[in-house]
Each structure stands twice: as structure tokens, then as C-alpha cells.
Amino acid sequence: FSGGVLYHALGQGETSWETTLPTATFTLTKLHNEHFRKIPDSINYIDENGNPTIAITDIIRIKTTFDYNEANGYWIREQGLVGGNATVILESGYFIDAIWHHGIYKDDSVKITRYIELIF
């Protein structure tokens, strides 16, 4: 699809994930409870030494920073990448990847920088 990775989305997921994380499926088309998304800070190809490169490789690293004043007042238990025809409107676009984890409460005392690597 055209557009590549356009947004990094955050979701609350489910409180039950504090005990047992869900099993990944290839049929997932959106986060369970998306509440925020933003354009990544950078998207780079990565070389065999783990460094950014201008050469096309089979690894892409996406970096997104959720600053102190962003996405506050929510638990983050899921993250995803969306592209294609995605916009700032929640749940729009083509779902590319999901990450599920135990909850992180995001308020204005927390700044999160997330790196996601996709290996093809």
C-alpha cells in the first residue's frame, strides 16, 4: 500500500492484560481502545550494525516521542503503526503492527520515546 508508516497510535487495551497479554493475530485491523496518535519523529533504514543508513535494508526503525503534554490521562497497554490513508482521526488507515504490554500510566510527569523496528 502507499503511504508507509504515517502514525504511531496508542491505546488503553484491556485491564485484563495486566495479568495475561493477548495472543497476536494476523486479522487485527485496529487497536482495541485507541486514544491518541501522532506522526513519528523519524523513520530510518538500519544497517547490519544497528545504525541509520540511506541504503535500503530489510530493517526499518520508527522513533516516536510522546512528550510531557501529550496523550495524558490514559493507561497505555497497546501501541500500533498505521499507514496508507491514515489521518489524525483515530482508527483511520491501514493497520501495520501492534505491540501489547502491561500498562504505563501517562500523565504530564512522563515522557515516552518509543523505538519500533520492523524486519522484513
N, C-alpha and C. Protein backbone atom coordinates (compact mmCIF):
# COMPACT_ATOMS: atom_id res chain seq x y z
N PHE A 1 0.84 -1.18 0.00
CA PHE A 1 0.00 0.00 0.00
C PHE A 1 0.87 1.23 0.00
N SER A 2 0.32 2.31 -0.47
CA SER A 2 1.07 3.56 -0.48
C SER A 2 0.93 4.25 0.87
N GLY A 3 1.86 5.13 1.16
CA GLY A 3 1.79 5.89 2.40
C GLY A 3 2.74 5.43 3.47
N GLY A 4 3.11 4.16 3.51
CA GLY A 4 4.02 3.66 4.53
C GLY A 4 3.50 3.92 5.93
N VAL A 5 4.41 3.99 6.91
CA VAL A 5 4.05 4.28 8.29
C VAL A 5 3.79 5.78 8.40
N LEU A 6 2.57 6.14 8.76
CA LEU A 6 2.21 7.55 8.88
C LEU A 6 1.98 7.99 10.32
N TYR A 7 1.49 7.08 11.17
CA TYR A 7 1.18 7.42 12.56
C TYR A 7 1.57 6.30 13.50
N HIS A 8 1.90 6.70 14.72
CA HIS A 8 2.12 5.79 15.84
C HIS A 8 0.93 6.00 16.76
N ALA A 9 0.16 4.95 16.99
CA ALA A 9 -1.07 5.06 17.77
C ALA A 9 -0.89 4.43 19.16
N LEU A 10 -1.58 5.00 20.14
CA LEU A 10 -1.58 4.47 21.50
C LEU A 10 -2.99 4.08 21.87
N GLY A 11 -3.10 3.01 22.67
CA GLY A 11 -4.41 2.57 23.14
C GLY A 11 -4.36 2.09 24.57
N GLN A 12 -5.53 2.08 25.20
CA GLN A 12 -5.63 1.63 26.59
C GLN A 12 -5.64 0.11 26.71
N GLY A 13 -6.00 -0.58 25.63
CA GLY A 13 -6.10 -2.03 25.71
C GLY A 13 -7.16 -2.44 26.71
N GLU A 14 -6.93 -3.54 27.39
CA GLU A 14 -7.89 -4.07 28.36
C GLU A 14 -7.19 -4.23 29.71
N THR A 15 -7.90 -3.99 30.81
CA THR A 15 -7.30 -4.14 32.13
C THR A 15 -6.84 -5.57 32.38
N SER A 16 -7.46 -6.55 31.75
CA SER A 16 -7.07 -7.96 31.92
C SER A 16 -5.65 -8.22 31.42
N TRP A 17 -5.11 -7.34 30.59
CA TRP A 17 -3.75 -7.51 30.06
C TRP A 17 -2.70 -7.34 31.14
N GLU A 18 -3.08 -6.81 32.30
CA GLU A 18 -2.14 -6.73 33.41
C GLU A 18 -1.77 -8.12 33.90
N THR A 19 -2.64 -9.09 33.66
CA THR A 19 -2.40 -10.47 34.06
C THR A 19 -1.94 -11.32 32.90
N THR A 20 -2.68 -11.25 31.78
CA THR A 20 -2.38 -12.08 30.61
C THR A 20 -2.49 -11.24 29.35
N LEU A 21 -1.38 -11.15 28.61
CA LEU A 21 -1.40 -10.39 27.35
C LEU A 21 -2.09 -11.21 26.27
N PRO A 22 -2.75 -10.54 25.32
CA PRO A 22 -3.43 -11.27 24.25
C PRO A 22 -2.43 -11.94 23.31
N THR A 23 -2.94 -12.88 22.54
CA THR A 23 -2.13 -13.55 21.53
C THR A 23 -2.26 -12.78 20.22
N ALA A 24 -1.14 -12.59 19.55
CA ALA A 24 -1.14 -11.86 18.27
C ALA A 24 -1.93 -12.62 17.21
N THR A 25 -2.62 -11.86 16.36
CA THR A 25 -3.34 -12.45 15.24
C THR A 25 -3.06 -11.62 13.99
N PHE A 26 -3.17 -12.25 12.84
CA PHE A 26 -2.96 -11.54 11.59
C PHE A 26 -4.24 -10.87 11.09
N THR A 27 -5.34 -11.05 11.81
CA THR A 27 -6.61 -10.47 11.39
C THR A 27 -6.91 -9.15 12.08
N LEU A 28 -6.04 -8.72 12.97
CA LEU A 28 -6.25 -7.47 13.69
C LEU A 28 -6.20 -6.29 12.71
N THR A 29 -7.19 -5.41 12.79
CA THR A 29 -7.26 -4.27 11.88
C THR A 29 -7.21 -2.92 12.61
N LYS A 30 -7.16 -2.96 13.95
CA LYS A 30 -7.08 -1.72 14.72
C LYS A 30 -6.71 -2.08 16.16
N LEU A 31 -6.33 -1.06 16.92
CA LEU A 31 -6.11 -1.26 18.34
C LEU A 31 -7.45 -1.49 19.03
N HIS A 32 -7.43 -2.09 20.20
CA HIS A 32 -8.67 -2.35 20.93
C HIS A 32 -9.33 -1.07 21.42
N ASN A 33 -8.52 -0.17 21.97
CA ASN A 33 -9.04 1.08 22.55
C ASN A 33 -8.10 2.24 22.26
N GLU A 34 -7.98 2.59 20.97
CA GLU A 34 -7.07 3.68 20.60
C GLU A 34 -7.54 5.00 21.21
N HIS A 35 -6.58 5.78 21.74
CA HIS A 35 -6.94 7.08 22.31
C HIS A 35 -6.04 8.22 21.84
N PHE A 36 -4.93 7.93 21.14
CA PHE A 36 -4.04 9.00 20.70
C PHE A 36 -3.17 8.49 19.57
N ARG A 37 -2.81 9.39 18.66
CA ARG A 37 -1.84 9.05 17.61
C ARG A 37 -1.09 10.29 17.19
N LYS A 38 0.11 10.05 16.68
CA LYS A 38 0.91 11.16 16.18
C LYS A 38 1.87 10.66 15.12
N ILE A 39 2.39 11.60 14.34
CA ILE A 39 3.37 11.29 13.30
C ILE A 39 4.70 10.96 13.98
N PRO A 40 5.37 9.89 13.56
CA PRO A 40 6.67 9.55 14.15
C PRO A 40 7.70 10.67 13.96
N ASP A 41 8.66 10.72 14.88
CA ASP A 41 9.76 11.69 14.78
C ASP A 41 10.67 11.35 13.61
N SER A 42 10.94 10.06 13.42
CA SER A 42 11.82 9.64 12.33
C SER A 42 11.54 8.20 11.93
N ILE A 43 11.84 7.91 10.66
CA ILE A 43 11.76 6.55 10.12
C ILE A 43 13.04 6.36 9.31
N ASN A 44 13.85 5.37 9.70
CA ASN A 44 15.14 5.15 9.05
C ASN A 44 15.36 3.70 8.69
N TYR A 45 16.08 3.47 7.60
CA TYR A 45 16.63 2.15 7.33
C TYR A 45 17.78 1.95 8.31
N ILE A 46 18.00 0.70 8.72
CA ILE A 46 19.04 0.37 9.69
C ILE A 46 20.00 -0.64 9.07
N ASP A 47 21.30 -0.38 9.23
CA ASP A 47 22.30 -1.29 8.65
C ASP A 47 22.57 -2.47 9.58
N GLU A 48 23.49 -3.36 9.18
CA GLU A 48 23.78 -4.58 9.93
C GLU A 48 24.41 -4.30 11.30
N ASN A 49 24.89 -3.09 11.51
CA ASN A 49 25.48 -2.70 12.81
C ASN A 49 24.49 -1.95 13.69
N GLY A 50 23.26 -1.83 13.23
CA GLY A 50 22.23 -1.14 14.01
C GLY A 50 22.22 0.36 13.86
N ASN A 51 22.90 0.86 12.82
CA ASN A 51 22.97 2.31 12.60
C ASN A 51 22.06 2.75 11.46
N PRO A 52 21.50 3.97 11.55
CA PRO A 52 20.71 4.50 10.43
C PRO A 52 21.57 4.61 9.17
N THR A 53 20.96 4.34 8.01
CA THR A 53 21.67 4.40 6.74
C THR A 53 20.73 4.92 5.65
N ILE A 54 21.30 5.49 4.60
CA ILE A 54 20.48 5.91 3.47
C ILE A 54 20.26 4.75 2.49
N ALA A 55 21.02 3.68 2.66
CA ALA A 55 20.85 2.49 1.81
C ALA A 55 19.58 1.75 2.22
N ILE A 56 18.90 1.17 1.26
CA ILE A 56 17.71 0.38 1.54
C ILE A 56 18.13 -0.94 2.16
N THR A 57 17.56 -1.26 3.33
CA THR A 57 17.87 -2.52 4.02
C THR A 57 16.55 -3.22 4.36
N ASP A 58 16.66 -4.34 5.06
CA ASP A 58 15.45 -5.07 5.45
C ASP A 58 14.99 -4.72 6.87
N ILE A 59 15.56 -3.66 7.46
CA ILE A 59 15.15 -3.22 8.80
C ILE A 59 14.79 -1.74 8.74
N ILE A 60 13.63 -1.42 9.32
CA ILE A 60 13.19 -0.03 9.44
C ILE A 60 12.97 0.26 10.92
N ARG A 61 13.52 1.38 11.40
CA ARG A 61 13.33 1.80 12.79
C ARG A 61 12.47 3.05 12.81
N ILE A 62 11.39 2.97 13.58
CA ILE A 62 10.47 4.10 13.74
C ILE A 62 10.65 4.65 15.15
N LYS A 63 10.91 5.94 15.27
CA LYS A 63 11.06 6.59 16.58
C LYS A 63 9.93 7.58 16.77
N THR A 64 9.24 7.49 17.92
CA THR A 64 8.18 8.43 18.24
C THR A 64 8.34 8.86 19.70
N THR A 65 8.27 10.16 19.93
CA THR A 65 8.32 10.69 21.30
C THR A 65 6.96 11.24 21.67
N PHE A 66 6.44 10.75 22.79
CA PHE A 66 5.20 11.26 23.35
C PHE A 66 5.61 12.16 24.51
N ASP A 67 5.55 13.47 24.28
CA ASP A 67 6.09 14.44 25.21
C ASP A 67 5.23 14.57 26.47
N TYR A 68 5.71 15.36 27.41
CA TYR A 68 5.04 15.54 28.70
C TYR A 68 3.59 15.99 28.56
N ASN A 69 3.30 16.78 27.53
CA ASN A 69 1.96 17.35 27.37
C ASN A 69 1.09 16.57 26.39
N GLU A 70 1.47 15.34 26.03
CA GLU A 70 0.71 14.57 25.03
C GLU A 70 0.18 13.25 25.62
N ALA A 71 -1.01 12.88 25.17
CA ALA A 71 -1.63 11.57 25.50
C ALA A 71 -1.79 11.36 26.99
N ASN A 72 -2.04 12.41 27.74
CA ASN A 72 -2.13 12.31 29.19
C ASN A 72 -3.49 11.82 29.66
N GLY A 73 -3.47 11.20 30.85
CA GLY A 73 -4.70 10.77 31.49
C GLY A 73 -5.17 9.38 31.08
N TYR A 74 -4.30 8.60 30.45
CA TYR A 74 -4.68 7.27 29.98
C TYR A 74 -3.62 6.24 30.35
N TRP A 75 -4.07 5.00 30.46
CA TRP A 75 -3.17 3.86 30.53
C TRP A 75 -2.80 3.48 29.10
N ILE A 76 -1.54 3.19 28.90
CA ILE A 76 -1.08 2.71 27.59
C ILE A 76 -0.74 1.24 27.76
N ARG A 77 -1.47 0.37 27.07
CA ARG A 77 -1.22 -1.07 27.07
C ARG A 77 -1.02 -1.61 25.66
N GLU A 78 -1.24 -0.75 24.68
CA GLU A 78 -1.10 -1.18 23.29
C GLU A 78 -0.60 -0.02 22.46
N GLN A 79 0.19 -0.36 21.46
CA GLN A 79 0.71 0.62 20.52
C GLN A 79 0.63 0.00 19.13
N GLY A 80 0.47 0.84 18.14
CA GLY A 80 0.39 0.34 16.78
C GLY A 80 0.89 1.35 15.78
N LEU A 81 1.21 0.85 14.61
CA LEU A 81 1.62 1.69 13.49
C LEU A 81 0.54 1.61 12.44
N VAL A 82 0.18 2.75 11.87
CA VAL A 82 -0.83 2.80 10.82
C VAL A 82 -0.32 3.61 9.64
N GLY A 83 -0.82 3.29 8.47
CA GLY A 83 -0.38 3.98 7.27
C GLY A 83 -1.47 3.99 6.22
N GLY A 84 -1.03 3.97 4.95
CA GLY A 84 -2.00 4.01 3.84
C GLY A 84 -2.71 5.33 3.80
N ASN A 85 -4.01 5.30 4.02
CA ASN A 85 -4.82 6.52 4.00
C ASN A 85 -5.11 7.04 5.42
N ALA A 86 -4.24 6.72 6.38
CA ALA A 86 -4.43 7.14 7.77
C ALA A 86 -4.38 8.66 7.89
N THR A 87 -5.18 9.16 8.83
CA THR A 87 -5.17 10.57 9.18
C THR A 87 -5.06 10.66 10.70
N VAL A 88 -5.17 11.86 11.23
CA VAL A 88 -5.15 12.05 12.68
C VAL A 88 -6.40 11.47 13.33
N ILE A 89 -7.42 11.16 12.55
CA ILE A 89 -8.66 10.58 13.07
C ILE A 89 -8.38 9.16 13.57
N LEU A 90 -8.72 8.90 14.84
CA LEU A 90 -8.48 7.60 15.45
C LEU A 90 -9.11 6.48 14.62
N GLU A 91 -8.40 5.36 14.55
CA GLU A 91 -8.82 4.14 13.85
C GLU A 91 -8.86 4.28 12.34
N SER A 92 -8.36 5.36 11.78
CA SER A 92 -8.31 5.50 10.32
C SER A 92 -7.03 4.85 9.79
N GLY A 93 -7.05 4.49 8.52
CA GLY A 93 -5.86 3.97 7.86
C GLY A 93 -5.73 2.47 7.91
N TYR A 94 -4.60 2.01 7.38
CA TYR A 94 -4.29 0.58 7.34
C TYR A 94 -3.39 0.23 8.51
N PHE A 95 -3.78 -0.80 9.25
CA PHE A 95 -3.05 -1.23 10.43
C PHE A 95 -1.82 -2.02 10.00
N ILE A 96 -0.65 -1.66 10.53
CA ILE A 96 0.60 -2.29 10.13
C ILE A 96 1.14 -3.21 11.21
N ASP A 97 1.11 -2.78 12.45
CA ASP A 97 1.77 -3.52 13.52
C ASP A 97 1.13 -3.19 14.85
N ALA A 98 1.16 -4.14 15.80
CA ALA A 98 0.65 -3.90 17.15
C ALA A 98 1.64 -4.43 18.17
N ILE A 99 1.73 -3.71 19.27
CA ILE A 99 2.55 -4.13 20.41
C ILE A 99 1.65 -4.05 21.63
N TRP A 100 1.60 -5.13 22.41
CA TRP A 100 0.81 -5.16 23.64
C TRP A 100 1.75 -5.34 24.81
N HIS A 101 1.47 -4.66 25.89
CA HIS A 101 2.33 -4.74 27.08
C HIS A 101 1.53 -4.36 28.31
N HIS A 102 2.11 -4.57 29.47
CA HIS A 102 1.47 -4.16 30.71
C HIS A 102 1.38 -2.64 30.75
N GLY A 103 0.44 -2.13 31.52
CA GLY A 103 0.10 -0.72 31.49
C GLY A 103 1.16 0.24 31.98
N ILE A 104 1.23 1.37 31.29
CA ILE A 104 2.03 2.52 31.68
C ILE A 104 1.04 3.68 31.79
N TYR A 105 0.93 4.27 32.97
CA TYR A 105 0.02 5.41 33.09
C TYR A 105 0.75 6.65 32.61
N LYS A 106 0.15 7.34 31.65
CA LYS A 106 0.76 8.52 31.03
C LYS A 106 0.11 9.77 31.59
N ASP A 107 0.92 10.57 32.27
CA ASP A 107 0.47 11.89 32.71
C ASP A 107 1.56 12.90 32.37
N ASP A 108 1.41 14.13 32.83
CA ASP A 108 2.36 15.17 32.42
C ASP A 108 3.72 15.07 33.10
N SER A 109 3.94 14.05 33.93
CA SER A 109 5.26 13.82 34.51
C SER A 109 6.06 12.78 33.72
N VAL A 110 5.44 12.23 32.65
CA VAL A 110 6.06 11.14 31.89
C VAL A 110 6.26 11.54 30.43
N LYS A 111 7.47 11.31 29.95
CA LYS A 111 7.80 11.48 28.53
C LYS A 111 8.25 10.10 28.04
N ILE A 112 7.66 9.63 26.96
CA ILE A 112 7.98 8.30 26.43
C ILE A 112 8.58 8.44 25.04
N THR A 113 9.74 7.84 24.83
CA THR A 113 10.33 7.73 23.50
C THR A 113 10.31 6.24 23.16
N ARG A 114 9.64 5.92 22.07
CA ARG A 114 9.46 4.52 21.66
C ARG A 114 10.15 4.28 20.35
N TYR A 115 10.94 3.21 20.27
CA TYR A 115 11.58 2.77 19.04
C TYR A 115 10.94 1.44 18.64
N ILE A 116 10.46 1.35 17.42
CA ILE A 116 9.91 0.10 16.90
C ILE A 116 10.70 -0.26 15.66
N GLU A 117 11.21 -1.49 15.62
CA GLU A 117 11.93 -1.95 14.44
C GLU A 117 11.10 -3.00 13.72
N LEU A 118 10.95 -2.80 12.44
CA LEU A 118 10.30 -3.77 11.57
C LEU A 118 11.36 -4.43 10.73
N ILE A 119 11.39 -5.75 10.74
CA ILE A 119 12.36 -6.52 9.98
C ILE A 119 11.62 -7.30 8.91
N PHE A 120 12.03 -7.12 7.67
CA PHE A 120 11.35 -7.75 6.53
C PHE A 120 12.16 -8.90 5.99
